[in-house]
Amino acid sequence: MALVISERLEKRIQAVVDAGVFSTPELALEAAVELVEAAAENDFEGSHEELGALLKQGFDSKLMSEEEFWKAADAEIEEMFAVRAADRKA
């Protein structure tokens, strides 16, 4: 399937790619479609503006490197263990 997009949308997608958020325009579009699908599946009750804001927030966020991901995951796991340990003592 071929899609025709406006020049404005093409520039926005390319800006996200140029910023390093996604490596290709296809990945950027795939992420946007996934967010819209998730909103539809979860009966998103917000406005189009709220959905747009969520899309922008996702596009504006920077993808983590693998190292950053594992550091963040380790920190979350350590926090969960600390909470459980505190709950057992209480």
PDB file of N, CA and C in Angstrom:
ATOM      1  N   MET A   1       0.852  -1.169   0.000  1.00  0.00           N
ATOM      2  CA  MET A   1       0.000   0.000   0.000  1.00  0.00           C
ATOM      3  C   MET A   1       0.901   1.236   0.000  1.00  0.00           C
ATOM      4  N   ALA A   2       0.607   2.151  -0.833  1.00  0.00           N
ATOM      5  CA  ALA A   2       1.341   3.412  -0.892  1.00  0.00           C
ATOM      6  C   ALA A   2       0.490   4.502  -0.257  1.00  0.00           C
ATOM      7  N   LEU A   3       1.131   5.354   0.517  1.00  0.00           N
ATOM      8  CA  LEU A   3       0.438   6.465   1.158  1.00  0.00           C
ATOM      9  C   LEU A   3       1.003   7.780   0.634  1.00  0.00           C
ATOM     10  N   VAL A   4       0.153   8.743   0.524  1.00  0.00           N
ATOM     11  CA  VAL A   4       0.585  10.084   0.169  1.00  0.00           C
ATOM     12  C   VAL A   4       0.347  10.957   1.392  1.00  0.00           C
ATOM     13  N   ILE A   5       1.409  11.605   1.865  1.00  0.00           N
ATOM     14  CA  ILE A   5       1.272  12.453   3.044  1.00  0.00           C
ATOM     15  C   ILE A   5       1.606  13.890   2.662  1.00  0.00           C
ATOM     16  N   SER A   6       1.125  14.791   3.469  1.00  0.00           N
ATOM     17  CA  SER A   6       1.374  16.205   3.189  1.00  0.00           C
ATOM     18  C   SER A   6       2.841  16.534   3.433  1.00  0.00           C
ATOM     19  N   GLU A   7       3.276  17.600   2.834  1.00  0.00           N
ATOM     20  CA  GLU A   7       4.654  18.060   3.028  1.00  0.00           C
ATOM     21  C   GLU A   7       4.895  18.399   4.496  1.00  0.00           C
ATOM     22  N   ARG A   8       3.893  18.978   5.131  1.00  0.00           N
ATOM     23  CA  ARG A   8       3.991  19.344   6.553  1.00  0.00           C
ATOM     24  C   ARG A   8       4.227  18.108   7.409  1.00  0.00           C
ATOM     25  N   LEU A   9       3.457  17.049   7.158  1.00  0.00           N
ATOM     26  CA  LEU A   9       3.617  15.819   7.929  1.00  0.00           C
ATOM     27  C   LEU A   9       4.967  15.166   7.636  1.00  0.00           C
ATOM     28  N   GLU A  10       5.371  15.189   6.388  1.00  0.00           N
ATOM     29  CA  GLU A  10       6.664  14.621   6.027  1.00  0.00           C
ATOM     30  C   GLU A  10       7.797  15.330   6.774  1.00  0.00           C
ATOM     31  N   LYS A  11       7.712  16.657   6.876  1.00  0.00           N
ATOM     32  CA  LYS A  11       8.733  17.425   7.588  1.00  0.00           C
ATOM     33  C   LYS A  11       8.743  17.076   9.076  1.00  0.00           C
ATOM     34  N   ARG A  12       7.556  16.897   9.647  1.00  0.00           N
ATOM     35  CA  ARG A  12       7.473  16.549  11.070  1.00  0.00           C
ATOM     36  C   ARG A  12       8.095  15.183  11.327  1.00  0.00           C
ATOM     37  N   ILE A  13       7.790  14.240  10.467  1.00  0.00           N
ATOM     38  CA  ILE A  13       8.354  12.896  10.621  1.00  0.00           C
ATOM     39  C   ILE A  13       9.869  12.948  10.449  1.00  0.00           C
ATOM     40  N   GLN A  14      10.327  13.661   9.442  1.00  0.00           N
ATOM     41  CA  GLN A  14      11.764  13.751   9.203  1.00  0.00           C
ATOM     42  C   GLN A  14      12.473  14.436  10.356  1.00  0.00           C
ATOM     43  N   ALA A  15      11.837  15.417  10.972  1.00  0.00           N
ATOM     44  CA  ALA A  15      12.434  16.096  12.122  1.00  0.00           C
ATOM     45  C   ALA A  15      12.649  15.123  13.279  1.00  0.00           C
ATOM     46  N   VAL A  16      11.695  14.218  13.475  1.00  0.00           N
ATOM     47  CA  VAL A  16      11.820  13.206  14.537  1.00  0.00           C
ATOM     48  C   VAL A  16      12.990  12.277  14.225  1.00  0.00           C
ATOM     49  N   VAL A  17      13.104  11.884  12.968  1.00  0.00           N
ATOM     50  CA  VAL A  17      14.206  11.009  12.553  1.00  0.00           C
ATOM     51  C   VAL A  17      15.537  11.751  12.690  1.00  0.00           C
ATOM     52  N   ASP A  18      15.575  12.991  12.231  1.00  0.00           N
ATOM     53  CA  ASP A  18      16.806  13.784  12.314  1.00  0.00           C
ATOM     54  C   ASP A  18      17.248  14.016  13.760  1.00  0.00           C
ATOM     55  N   ALA A  19      16.284  14.072  14.669  1.00  0.00           N
ATOM     56  CA  ALA A  19      16.606  14.264  16.089  1.00  0.00           C
ATOM     57  C   ALA A  19      17.121  12.981  16.731  1.00  0.00           C
ATOM     58  N   GLY A  20      17.042  11.879  15.984  1.00  0.00           N
ATOM     59  CA  GLY A  20      17.559  10.612  16.504  1.00  0.00           C
ATOM     60  C   GLY A  20      16.566   9.822  17.331  1.00  0.00           C
ATOM     61  N   VAL A  21      15.326  10.263  17.349  1.00  0.00           N
ATOM     62  CA  VAL A  21      14.315   9.545  18.129  1.00  0.00           C
ATOM     63  C   VAL A  21      14.021   8.199  17.480  1.00  0.00           C
ATOM     64  N   PHE A  22      13.924   8.176  16.172  1.00  0.00           N
ATOM     65  CA  PHE A  22      13.741   6.944  15.407  1.00  0.00           C
ATOM     66  C   PHE A  22      14.770   6.945  14.290  1.00  0.00           C
ATOM     67  N   SER A  23      15.165   5.741  13.878  1.00  0.00           N
ATOM     68  CA  SER A  23      16.201   5.655  12.850  1.00  0.00           C
ATOM     69  C   SER A  23      15.654   5.785  11.436  1.00  0.00           C
ATOM     70  N   THR A  24      14.352   5.548  11.270  1.00  0.00           N
ATOM     71  CA  THR A  24      13.759   5.666   9.933  1.00  0.00           C
ATOM     72  C   THR A  24      12.365   6.279  10.045  1.00  0.00           C
ATOM     73  N   PRO A  25      11.893   6.885   8.971  1.00  0.00           N
ATOM     74  CA  PRO A  25      10.519   7.403   8.974  1.00  0.00           C
ATOM     75  C   PRO A  25       9.497   6.289   9.217  1.00  0.00           C
ATOM     76  N   GLU A  26       9.778   5.109   8.693  1.00  0.00           N
ATOM     77  CA  GLU A  26       8.854   3.996   8.874  1.00  0.00           C
ATOM     78  C   GLU A  26       8.678   3.647  10.351  1.00  0.00           C
ATOM     79  N   LEU A  27       9.788   3.648  11.101  1.00  0.00           N
ATOM     80  CA  LEU A  27       9.693   3.347  12.539  1.00  0.00           C
ATOM     81  C   LEU A  27       8.926   4.434  13.285  1.00  0.00           C
ATOM     82  N   ALA A  28       9.115   5.681  12.880  1.00  0.00           N
ATOM     83  CA  ALA A  28       8.385   6.781  13.504  1.00  0.00           C
ATOM     84  C   ALA A  28       6.889   6.630  13.261  1.00  0.00           C
ATOM     85  N   LEU A  29       6.512   6.318  12.031  1.00  0.00           N
ATOM     86  CA  LEU A  29       5.091   6.124  11.715  1.00  0.00           C
ATOM     87  C   LEU A  29       4.523   4.908  12.426  1.00  0.00           C
ATOM     88  N   GLU A  30       5.310   3.846  12.510  1.00  0.00           N
ATOM     89  CA  GLU A  30       4.851   2.647  13.196  1.00  0.00           C
ATOM     90  C   GLU A  30       4.551   2.952  14.666  1.00  0.00           C
ATOM     91  N   ALA A  31       5.413   3.728  15.308  1.00  0.00           N
ATOM     92  CA  ALA A  31       5.193   4.103  16.703  1.00  0.00           C
ATOM     93  C   ALA A  31       3.916   4.922  16.856  1.00  0.00           C
ATOM     94  N   ALA A  32       3.685   5.831  15.922  1.00  0.00           N
ATOM     95  CA  ALA A  32       2.474   6.650  15.976  1.00  0.00           C
ATOM     96  C   ALA A  32       1.226   5.789  15.812  1.00  0.00           C
ATOM     97  N   VAL A  33       1.268   4.866  14.875  1.00  0.00           N
ATOM     98  CA  VAL A  33       0.115   3.986  14.655  1.00  0.00           C
ATOM     99  C   VAL A  33      -0.118   3.106  15.874  1.00  0.00           C
ATOM    100  N   GLU A  34       0.953   2.612  16.489  1.00  0.00           N
ATOM    101  CA  GLU A  34       0.800   1.783  17.695  1.00  0.00           C
ATOM    102  C   GLU A  34       0.126   2.564  18.817  1.00  0.00           C
ATOM    103  N   LEU A  35       0.480   3.822  18.968  1.00  0.00           N
ATOM    104  CA  LEU A  35      -0.143   4.641  20.009  1.00  0.00           C
ATOM    105  C   LEU A  35      -1.626   4.844  19.722  1.00  0.00           C
ATOM    106  N   VAL A  36      -1.964   5.092  18.474  1.00  0.00           N
ATOM    107  CA  VAL A  36      -3.376   5.261  18.105  1.00  0.00           C
ATOM    108  C   VAL A  36      -4.133   3.954  18.324  1.00  0.00           C
ATOM    109  N   GLU A  37      -3.526   2.830  17.940  1.00  0.00           N
ATOM    110  CA  GLU A  37      -4.165   1.528  18.162  1.00  0.00           C
ATOM    111  C   GLU A  37      -4.383   1.265  19.648  1.00  0.00           C
ATOM    112  N   ALA A  38      -3.379   1.579  20.454  1.00  0.00           N
ATOM    113  CA  ALA A  38      -3.508   1.371  21.904  1.00  0.00           C
ATOM    114  C   ALA A  38      -4.624   2.227  22.472  1.00  0.00           C
ATOM    115  N   ALA A  39      -4.718   3.445  22.007  1.00  0.00           N
ATOM    116  CA  ALA A  39      -5.790   4.328  22.480  1.00  0.00           C
ATOM    117  C   ALA A  39      -7.147   3.756  22.088  1.00  0.00           C
ATOM    118  N   ALA A  40      -7.252   3.228  20.879  1.00  0.00           N
ATOM    119  CA  ALA A  40      -8.528   2.659  20.413  1.00  0.00           C
ATOM    120  C   ALA A  40      -8.870   1.390  21.180  1.00  0.00           C
ATOM    121  N   GLU A  41      -7.881   0.543  21.434  1.00  0.00           N
ATOM    122  CA  GLU A  41      -8.114  -0.707  22.156  1.00  0.00           C
ATOM    123  C   GLU A  41      -8.523  -0.459  23.598  1.00  0.00           C
ATOM    124  N   ASN A  42      -8.003   0.587  24.175  1.00  0.00           N
ATOM    125  CA  ASN A  42      -8.286   0.882  25.578  1.00  0.00           C
ATOM    126  C   ASN A  42      -9.434   1.860  25.740  1.00  0.00           C
ATOM    127  N   ASP A  43     -10.221   2.003  24.699  1.00  0.00           N
ATOM    128  CA  ASP A  43     -11.359   2.918  24.745  1.00  0.00           C
ATOM    129  C   ASP A  43     -10.941   4.297  25.249  1.00  0.00           C
ATOM    130  N   PHE A  44      -9.922   4.844  24.635  1.00  0.00           N
ATOM    131  CA  PHE A  44      -9.427   6.169  24.994  1.00  0.00           C
ATOM    132  C   PHE A  44     -10.577   7.155  24.939  1.00  0.00           C
ATOM    133  N   GLU A  45     -10.823   7.814  26.043  1.00  0.00           N
ATOM    134  CA  GLU A  45     -11.959   8.719  26.125  1.00  0.00           C
ATOM    135  C   GLU A  45     -11.555  10.183  26.052  1.00  0.00           C
ATOM    136  N   GLY A  46     -10.273  10.412  25.790  1.00  0.00           N
ATOM    137  CA  GLY A  46      -9.806  11.784  25.698  1.00  0.00           C
ATOM    138  C   GLY A  46     -10.154  12.396  24.362  1.00  0.00           C
ATOM    139  N   SER A  47      -9.834  13.653  24.245  1.00  0.00           N
ATOM    140  CA  SER A  47     -10.109  14.390  23.010  1.00  0.00           C
ATOM    141  C   SER A  47      -9.015  14.125  21.981  1.00  0.00           C
ATOM    142  N   HIS A  48      -9.260  14.565  20.753  1.00  0.00           N
ATOM    143  CA  HIS A  48      -8.241  14.463  19.713  1.00  0.00           C
ATOM    144  C   HIS A  48      -7.010  15.268  20.121  1.00  0.00           C
ATOM    145  N   GLU A  49      -7.228  16.373  20.819  1.00  0.00           N
ATOM    146  CA  GLU A  49      -6.108  17.200  21.255  1.00  0.00           C
ATOM    147  C   GLU A  49      -5.252  16.450  22.270  1.00  0.00           C
ATOM    148  N   GLU A  50      -5.915  15.724  23.190  1.00  0.00           N
ATOM    149  CA  GLU A  50      -5.166  14.951  24.182  1.00  0.00           C
ATOM    150  C   GLU A  50      -4.375  13.830  23.515  1.00  0.00           C
ATOM    151  N   LEU A  51      -4.992  13.171  22.551  1.00  0.00           N
ATOM    152  CA  LEU A  51      -4.286  12.128  21.823  1.00  0.00           C
ATOM    153  C   LEU A  51      -3.107  12.723  21.066  1.00  0.00           C
ATOM    154  N   GLY A  52      -3.321  13.883  20.459  1.00  0.00           N
ATOM    155  CA  GLY A  52      -2.234  14.564  19.760  1.00  0.00           C
ATOM    156  C   GLY A  52      -1.092  14.910  20.708  1.00  0.00           C
ATOM    157  N   ALA A  53      -1.449  15.345  21.910  1.00  0.00           N
ATOM    158  CA  ALA A  53      -0.428  15.677  22.902  1.00  0.00           C
ATOM    159  C   ALA A  53       0.360  14.429  23.294  1.00  0.00           C
ATOM    160  N   LEU A  54      -0.323  13.309  23.425  1.00  0.00           N
ATOM    161  CA  LEU A  54       0.370  12.060  23.741  1.00  0.00           C
ATOM    162  C   LEU A  54       1.297  11.642  22.607  1.00  0.00           C
ATOM    163  N   LEU A  55       0.826  11.791  21.380  1.00  0.00           N
ATOM    164  CA  LEU A  55       1.677  11.483  20.234  1.00  0.00           C
ATOM    165  C   LEU A  55       2.916  12.371  20.228  1.00  0.00           C
ATOM    166  N   LYS A  56       2.714  13.668  20.471  1.00  0.00           N
ATOM    167  CA  LYS A  56       3.841  14.589  20.491  1.00  0.00           C
ATOM    168  C   LYS A  56       4.810  14.231  21.604  1.00  0.00           C
ATOM    169  N   GLN A  57       4.264  13.878  22.758  1.00  0.00           N
ATOM    170  CA  GLN A  57       5.119  13.499  23.876  1.00  0.00           C
ATOM    171  C   GLN A  57       5.970  12.286  23.503  1.00  0.00           C
ATOM    172  N   GLY A  58       5.356  11.321  22.849  1.00  0.00           N
ATOM    173  CA  GLY A  58       6.114  10.143  22.421  1.00  0.00           C
ATOM    174  C   GLY A  58       7.184  10.483  21.406  1.00  0.00           C
ATOM    175  N   PHE A  59       6.837  11.324  20.433  1.00  0.00           N
ATOM    176  CA  PHE A  59       7.815  11.701  19.426  1.00  0.00           C
ATOM    177  C   PHE A  59       8.926  12.555  20.017  1.00  0.00           C
ATOM    178  N   ASP A  60       8.602  13.372  21.006  1.00  0.00           N
ATOM    179  CA  ASP A  60       9.602  14.243  21.605  1.00  0.00           C
ATOM    180  C   ASP A  60      10.537  13.490  22.545  1.00  0.00           C
ATOM    181  N   SER A  61      10.097  12.324  23.012  1.00  0.00           N
ATOM    182  CA  SER A  61      10.940  11.565  23.930  1.00  0.00           C
ATOM    183  C   SER A  61      12.073  10.914  23.152  1.00  0.00           C
ATOM    184  N   LYS A  62      13.161  10.760  23.786  1.00  0.00           N
ATOM    185  CA  LYS A  62      14.335  10.166  23.152  1.00  0.00           C
ATOM    186  C   LYS A  62      14.368   8.692  23.517  1.00  0.00           C
ATOM    187  N   LEU A  63      14.619   7.841  22.541  1.00  0.00           N
ATOM    188  CA  LEU A  63      14.747   6.419  22.815  1.00  0.00           C
ATOM    189  C   LEU A  63      15.999   6.180  23.644  1.00  0.00           C
ATOM    190  N   MET A  64      15.902   5.241  24.564  1.00  0.00           N
ATOM    191  CA  MET A  64      17.051   4.910  25.393  1.00  0.00           C
ATOM    192  C   MET A  64      17.998   3.996  24.624  1.00  0.00           C
ATOM    193  N   SER A  65      19.261   4.133  24.942  1.00  0.00           N
ATOM    194  CA  SER A  65      20.216   3.156  24.430  1.00  0.00           C
ATOM    195  C   SER A  65      19.995   1.865  25.208  1.00  0.00           C
ATOM    196  N   GLU A  66      20.567   0.785  24.731  1.00  0.00           N
ATOM    197  CA  GLU A  66      20.403  -0.491  25.444  1.00  0.00           C
ATOM    198  C   GLU A  66      20.967  -0.393  26.855  1.00  0.00           C
ATOM    199  N   GLU A  67      22.102   0.277  26.994  1.00  0.00           N
ATOM    200  CA  GLU A  67      22.719   0.435  28.312  1.00  0.00           C
ATOM    201  C   GLU A  67      21.812   1.239  29.248  1.00  0.00           C
ATOM    202  N   GLU A  68      21.229   2.340  28.737  1.00  0.00           N
ATOM    203  CA  GLU A  68      20.317   3.146  29.547  1.00  0.00           C
ATOM    204  C   GLU A  68      19.091   2.332  29.953  1.00  0.00           C
ATOM    205  N   PHE A  69      18.587   1.523  29.014  1.00  0.00           N
ATOM    206  CA  PHE A  69      17.424   0.687  29.318  1.00  0.00           C
ATOM    207  C   PHE A  69      17.720  -0.248  30.481  1.00  0.00           C
ATOM    208  N   TRP A  70      18.853  -0.962  30.406  1.00  0.00           N
ATOM    209  CA  TRP A  70      19.159  -1.946  31.454  1.00  0.00           C
ATOM    210  C   TRP A  70      19.449  -1.261  32.786  1.00  0.00           C
ATOM    211  N   LYS A  71      20.072  -0.094  32.771  1.00  0.00           N
ATOM    212  CA  LYS A  71      20.287   0.639  34.020  1.00  0.00           C
ATOM    213  C   LYS A  71      18.946   1.028  34.640  1.00  0.00           C
ATOM    214  N   ALA A  72      18.028   1.513  33.822  1.00  0.00           N
ATOM    215  CA  ALA A  72      16.699   1.892  34.320  1.00  0.00           C
ATOM    216  C   ALA A  72      15.951   0.672  34.837  1.00  0.00           C
ATOM    217  N   ALA A  73      16.029  -0.441  34.119  1.00  0.00           N
ATOM    218  CA  ALA A  73      15.361  -1.670  34.553  1.00  0.00           C
ATOM    219  C   ALA A  73      15.945  -2.148  35.875  1.00  0.00           C
ATOM    220  N   ASP A  74      17.267  -2.131  35.998  1.00  0.00           N
ATOM    221  CA  ASP A  74      17.908  -2.533  37.253  1.00  0.00           C
ATOM    222  C   ASP A  74      17.462  -1.651  38.410  1.00  0.00           C
ATOM    223  N   ALA A  75      17.380  -0.341  38.172  1.00  0.00           N
ATOM    224  CA  ALA A  75      16.958   0.580  39.228  1.00  0.00           C
ATOM    225  C   ALA A  75      15.521   0.289  39.661  1.00  0.00           C
ATOM    226  N   GLU A  76      14.633   0.027  38.693  1.00  0.00           N
ATOM    227  CA  GLU A  76      13.242  -0.283  39.039  1.00  0.00           C
ATOM    228  C   GLU A  76      13.134  -1.580  39.824  1.00  0.00           C
ATOM    229  N   ILE A  77      13.917  -2.579  39.449  1.00  0.00           N
ATOM    230  CA  ILE A  77      13.897  -3.868  40.155  1.00  0.00           C
ATOM    231  C   ILE A  77      14.404  -3.694  41.578  1.00  0.00           C
ATOM    232  N   GLU A  78      15.500  -2.953  41.724  1.00  0.00           N
ATOM    233  CA  GLU A  78      16.042  -2.696  43.065  1.00  0.00           C
ATOM    234  C   GLU A  78      15.005  -1.983  43.935  1.00  0.00           C
ATOM    235  N   GLU A  79      14.294  -1.031  43.356  1.00  0.00           N
ATOM    236  CA  GLU A  79      13.258  -0.311  44.100  1.00  0.00           C
ATOM    237  C   GLU A  79      12.131  -1.251  44.519  1.00  0.00           C
ATOM    238  N   MET A  80      11.738  -2.150  43.610  1.00  0.00           N
ATOM    239  CA  MET A  80      10.679  -3.115  43.943  1.00  0.00           C
ATOM    240  C   MET A  80      11.119  -4.014  45.088  1.00  0.00           C
ATOM    241  N   PHE A  81      12.368  -4.486  45.045  1.00  0.00           N
ATOM    242  CA  PHE A  81      12.879  -5.329  46.121  1.00  0.00           C
ATOM    243  C   PHE A  81      12.901  -4.571  47.447  1.00  0.00           C
ATOM    244  N   ALA A  82      13.301  -3.308  47.409  1.00  0.00           N
ATOM    245  CA  ALA A  82      13.358  -2.504  48.627  1.00  0.00           C
ATOM    246  C   ALA A  82      11.966  -2.327  49.222  1.00  0.00           C
ATOM    247  N   VAL A  83      10.977  -2.087  48.382  1.00  0.00           N
ATOM    248  CA  VAL A  83       9.595  -1.928  48.853  1.00  0.00           C
ATOM    249  C   VAL A  83       9.102  -3.220  49.478  1.00  0.00           C
ATOM    250  N   ARG A  84       9.368  -4.348  48.825  1.00  0.00           N
ATOM    251  CA  ARG A  84       8.928  -5.644  49.366  1.00  0.00           C
ATOM    252  C   ARG A  84       9.609  -5.946  50.688  1.00  0.00           C
ATOM    253  N   ALA A  85      10.891  -5.635  50.779  1.00  0.00           N
ATOM    254  CA  ALA A  85      11.620  -5.881  52.023  1.00  0.00           C
ATOM    255  C   ALA A  85      11.033  -5.035  53.153  1.00  0.00           C
ATOM    256  N   ALA A  86      10.707  -3.790  52.855  1.00  0.00           N
ATOM    257  CA  ALA A  86      10.101  -2.909  53.853  1.00  0.00           C
ATOM    258  C   ALA A  86       8.735  -3.418  54.271  1.00  0.00           C
ATOM    259  N   ASP A  87       7.961  -3.938  53.308  1.00  0.00           N
ATOM    260  CA  ASP A  87       6.625  -4.477  53.615  1.00  0.00           C
ATOM    261  C   ASP A  87       6.719  -5.695  54.519  1.00  0.00           C
ATOM    262  N   ARG A  88       7.732  -6.514  54.322  1.00  0.00           N
ATOM    263  CA  ARG A  88       7.905  -7.723  55.157  1.00  0.00           C
ATOM    264  C   ARG A  88       8.266  -7.358  56.589  1.00  0.00           C
ATOM    265  N   LYS A  89       9.018  -6.283  56.758  1.00  0.00           N
ATOM    266  CA  LYS A  89       9.436  -5.852  58.080  1.00  0.00           C
ATOM    267  C   LYS A  89       8.280  -5.208  58.853  1.00  0.00           C
ATOM    268  N   ALA A  90       7.307  -4.677  58.117  1.00  0.00           N
ATOM    269  CA  ALA A  90       6.218  -3.957  58.760  1.00  0.00           C
ATOM    270  C   ALA A  90       5.222  -4.883  59.402  1.00  0.00           C
TER     271      ALA A  90
END
